[in-house]
Amino acid sequence: MKRTVHPIEAESYRILRRAADTAALPPHTRDVIERIIHTTADPGWLTDLVTDEAALAAGRAALAAGAPLVTDVSMVAAGVTTYPATCLVAAPETAALARDTGLTRSAAGIRLAAEENPDGAVWVIGNAPTALVELIDLATTGAIRPALVIGLPVGYVGAAESKAALRETALPHLSNRSARGGAAVAAAAVNALLYGDPLA
């Protein structure tokens, strides 16, 4: 997706490329890592992210073809400004499912979204480790077949562990090793797949 790049953004990218050597990375990997560094002003993401070029290419192709984009929380959806996203965390039926099952609201929203998006969606978890665990469980049973899972939840309880569990699956995915993550980072990964290199 081509867009007008503001001079401040272009200069930010030139600065980050001096701070983090990304030149040898494959193109989609570079796009994602640079967009996350740009979003956070933290070059440490270069060594924290765990990427797979083929998985990112599949996610980009899916989005280019209009695949569903499903997020765990509304803040992730809000950060993706040029592509419609589904987020059921605030839906009344999500609250009811969470109450009846003991799931967190985020996990319940993922379970309900799976019923509507079983094949080929791009799934983005940017907040709740429980949502990522639920997504992994759904994929393990064959309830969903994602085009890409962006697993970047944040927190001291379960975040790093849920991302490690994602990396143990055969799902096409993006994750990171540490407990950090969050909605802005997850949205940045999606935007990278949508926009590509702003200096190209």
Protein backbone atom coordinates (compact mmCIF):
# COMPACT_ATOMS: atom_id res chain seq x y z
CA MET A 1 0.00 0.00 0.00
CA LYS A 2 1.56 3.29 -1.11
CA ARG A 3 1.02 6.34 1.04
CA THR A 4 2.43 9.80 1.54
CA VAL A 5 5.33 9.71 3.99
CA HIS A 6 5.76 12.77 6.20
CA PRO A 7 9.30 14.23 6.27
CA ILE A 8 9.48 13.63 10.04
CA GLU A 9 8.79 9.95 9.55
CA ALA A 10 11.36 9.73 6.76
CA GLU A 11 13.98 11.41 8.94
CA SER A 12 13.09 9.11 11.84
CA TYR A 13 13.81 6.12 9.63
CA ARG A 14 17.16 7.52 8.57
CA ILE A 15 18.07 8.01 12.23
CA LEU A 16 16.95 4.53 13.28
CA ARG A 17 18.98 2.98 10.47
CA ARG A 18 22.05 4.61 11.96
CA ALA A 19 21.11 3.28 15.41
CA ALA A 20 20.23 -0.28 14.31
CA ASP A 21 21.87 -2.15 11.44
CA THR A 22 18.95 -3.65 9.54
CA ALA A 23 20.44 -3.53 6.03
CA ALA A 24 21.07 -7.28 5.72
CA LEU A 25 17.59 -8.35 6.86
CA PRO A 26 15.09 -9.81 4.37
CA PRO A 27 12.54 -7.21 3.23
CA HIS A 28 9.43 -8.09 5.27
CA THR A 29 11.50 -8.80 8.37
CA ARG A 30 13.23 -5.47 7.96
CA ASP A 31 9.92 -3.66 7.47
CA VAL A 32 8.47 -5.13 10.66
CA ILE A 33 11.54 -4.64 12.84
CA GLU A 34 12.06 -1.08 11.64
CA ARG A 35 8.42 -0.12 12.09
CA ILE A 36 8.48 -1.43 15.67
CA ILE A 37 11.74 0.38 16.41
CA HIS A 38 10.27 3.53 14.88
CA THR A 39 7.15 3.18 17.04
CA THR A 40 9.05 2.63 20.28
CA ALA A 41 12.35 4.48 19.67
CA ASP A 42 13.99 1.33 21.01
CA PRO A 43 16.63 -0.44 18.87
CA GLY A 44 16.58 -3.32 21.38
CA TRP A 45 13.72 -4.84 19.41
CA LEU A 46 16.25 -5.84 16.76
CA THR A 47 17.45 -8.71 18.94
CA ASP A 48 14.19 -9.38 20.83
CA LEU A 49 11.89 -10.09 17.90
CA VAL A 50 11.67 -13.60 16.48
CA THR A 51 10.77 -13.36 12.79
CA ASP A 52 10.19 -15.69 9.88
CA GLU A 53 10.33 -14.13 6.44
CA ALA A 54 8.03 -16.68 4.83
CA ALA A 55 5.41 -16.21 7.55
CA LEU A 56 5.53 -12.43 7.20
CA ALA A 57 5.27 -12.72 3.43
CA ALA A 58 2.20 -14.92 3.86
CA GLY A 59 0.64 -12.38 6.20
CA ARG A 60 1.34 -9.53 3.82
CA ALA A 61 -0.16 -11.48 0.92
CA ALA A 62 -3.23 -12.32 2.99
CA LEU A 63 -3.79 -8.67 3.88
CA ALA A 64 -3.26 -7.61 0.27
CA ALA A 65 -5.98 -10.08 -0.68
CA GLY A 66 -8.38 -8.65 1.91
CA ALA A 67 -8.11 -11.36 4.58
CA PRO A 68 -9.84 -10.76 7.92
CA LEU A 69 -7.74 -9.05 10.58
CA VAL A 70 -8.66 -10.08 14.12
CA THR A 71 -7.27 -8.42 17.26
CA ASP A 72 -7.52 -9.20 20.96
CA VAL A 73 -8.15 -5.62 22.11
CA SER A 74 -9.56 -2.46 20.56
CA MET A 75 -6.31 -0.54 21.03
CA VAL A 76 -4.59 -2.83 18.52
CA ALA A 77 -7.41 -2.32 16.04
CA ALA A 78 -7.24 1.45 16.57
CA GLY A 79 -3.53 1.45 15.78
CA VAL A 80 -4.13 -0.09 12.36
CA THR A 81 -5.54 2.98 10.68
CA THR A 82 -6.00 1.85 7.07
CA TYR A 83 -7.42 -1.67 7.37
CA PRO A 84 -10.64 -2.87 9.02
CA ALA A 85 -10.21 -5.11 12.04
CA THR A 86 -12.49 -7.33 14.08
CA CYS A 87 -12.27 -7.10 17.86
CA LEU A 88 -14.96 -8.71 20.00
CA VAL A 89 -13.56 -7.94 23.45
CA ALA A 90 -16.32 -5.40 24.17
CA ALA A 91 -19.21 -7.40 22.70
CA PRO A 92 -22.02 -8.41 25.10
CA GLU A 93 -21.73 -12.04 24.03
CA THR A 94 -18.03 -11.95 24.93
CA ALA A 95 -18.84 -10.80 28.44
CA ALA A 96 -21.40 -13.59 28.74
CA LEU A 97 -18.96 -16.24 27.52
CA ALA A 98 -16.27 -15.00 29.90
CA ARG A 99 -18.70 -15.10 32.80
CA ASP A 100 -19.90 -18.59 31.93
CA THR A 101 -16.50 -20.16 31.25
CA GLY A 102 -14.04 -18.28 33.43
CA LEU A 103 -12.10 -17.12 30.39
CA THR A 104 -10.71 -13.60 30.34
CA ARG A 105 -12.64 -11.19 28.14
CA SER A 106 -9.79 -11.14 25.64
CA ALA A 107 -9.68 -14.92 25.39
CA ALA A 108 -13.45 -15.13 25.10
CA GLY A 109 -13.38 -12.60 22.28
CA ILE A 110 -10.82 -14.70 20.43
CA ARG A 111 -12.95 -17.83 20.87
CA LEU A 112 -16.00 -16.08 19.42
CA ALA A 113 -14.02 -14.51 16.58
CA ALA A 114 -12.73 -17.96 15.66
CA GLU A 115 -16.27 -19.04 14.84
CA GLU A 116 -16.53 -16.24 12.27
CA ASN A 117 -12.95 -16.43 10.91
CA PRO A 118 -11.82 -20.06 10.76
CA ASP A 119 -9.61 -19.82 7.67
CA GLY A 120 -6.93 -17.45 6.46
CA ALA A 121 -7.24 -14.58 8.93
CA VAL A 122 -4.34 -12.57 10.31
CA TRP A 123 -4.60 -12.77 14.12
CA VAL A 124 -2.96 -10.05 16.22
CA ILE A 125 -2.49 -10.41 19.96
CA GLY A 126 -1.06 -7.24 21.44
CA ASN A 127 -2.25 -7.25 25.02
CA ALA A 128 -3.45 -10.44 26.69
CA PRO A 129 -1.34 -13.59 27.06
CA THR A 130 -4.58 -15.48 27.76
CA ALA A 131 -5.83 -14.51 24.30
CA LEU A 132 -2.70 -15.95 22.70
CA VAL A 133 -3.05 -19.17 24.70
CA GLU A 134 -6.68 -19.46 23.56
CA LEU A 135 -5.66 -18.87 19.94
CA ILE A 136 -2.99 -21.57 20.16
CA ASP A 137 -5.53 -23.99 21.65
CA LEU A 138 -8.02 -23.23 18.86
CA ALA A 139 -5.38 -23.77 16.20
CA THR A 140 -4.23 -27.00 17.82
CA THR A 141 -7.75 -28.42 17.57
CA GLY A 142 -8.11 -27.25 13.97
CA ALA A 143 -10.79 -24.66 14.74
CA ILE A 144 -8.73 -21.97 13.02
CA ARG A 145 -6.10 -21.98 10.30
CA PRO A 146 -4.40 -18.58 10.44
CA ALA A 147 -2.49 -16.95 7.61
CA LEU A 148 -0.30 -15.32 10.30
CA VAL A 149 -0.29 -14.94 14.08
CA ILE A 150 1.31 -11.79 15.44
CA GLY A 151 1.86 -12.74 19.06
CA LEU A 152 3.14 -9.75 21.02
CA PRO A 153 1.21 -9.68 24.31
CA VAL A 154 2.71 -7.82 27.23
CA GLY A 155 3.02 -8.44 30.95
CA TYR A 156 4.85 -10.15 33.77
CA VAL A 157 2.34 -13.01 34.01
CA GLY A 158 2.30 -15.36 31.07
CA ALA A 159 3.45 -13.07 28.27
CA ALA A 160 6.89 -14.55 27.62
CA GLU A 161 5.55 -18.05 28.24
CA SER A 162 2.66 -17.69 25.79
CA LYS A 163 5.02 -16.41 23.11
CA ALA A 164 7.38 -19.31 23.73
CA ALA A 165 4.41 -21.65 23.32
CA LEU A 166 3.55 -19.98 20.01
CA ARG A 167 7.08 -20.57 18.75
CA GLU A 168 6.72 -24.27 19.53
CA THR A 169 3.79 -24.57 17.11
CA ALA A 170 3.86 -24.89 13.34
CA LEU A 171 1.76 -21.74 12.99
CA PRO A 172 3.17 -18.94 10.81
CA HIS A 173 3.99 -16.32 13.39
CA LEU A 174 5.85 -13.28 14.67
CA SER A 175 6.78 -13.06 18.35
CA ASN A 176 9.42 -11.78 20.73
CA ARG A 177 11.37 -13.39 23.53
CA SER A 178 10.80 -11.00 26.41
CA ALA A 179 7.73 -10.06 28.45
CA ARG A 180 7.38 -6.75 26.68
CA GLY A 181 4.98 -6.14 23.81
CA GLY A 182 1.72 -4.23 23.69
CA ALA A 183 -0.93 -2.79 21.41
CA ALA A 184 1.29 -0.17 19.79
CA VAL A 185 3.96 -2.75 18.93
CA ALA A 186 1.44 -5.24 17.56
CA ALA A 187 -0.26 -2.58 15.46
CA ALA A 188 3.14 -1.45 14.18
CA ALA A 189 3.82 -4.97 12.92
CA VAL A 190 0.57 -4.96 10.96
CA ASN A 191 1.25 -1.49 9.59
CA ALA A 192 4.67 -2.64 8.44
CA LEU A 193 3.07 -5.41 6.41
CA LEU A 194 0.58 -2.96 4.94
CA TYR A 195 2.98 -0.09 4.18
CA GLY A 196 6.36 -1.67 3.52
CA ASP A 197 9.51 0.49 3.50
CA PRO A 198 8.61 4.20 3.79
CA LEU A 199 11.92 5.21 2.18
CA ALA A 200 11.55 2.92 -0.84
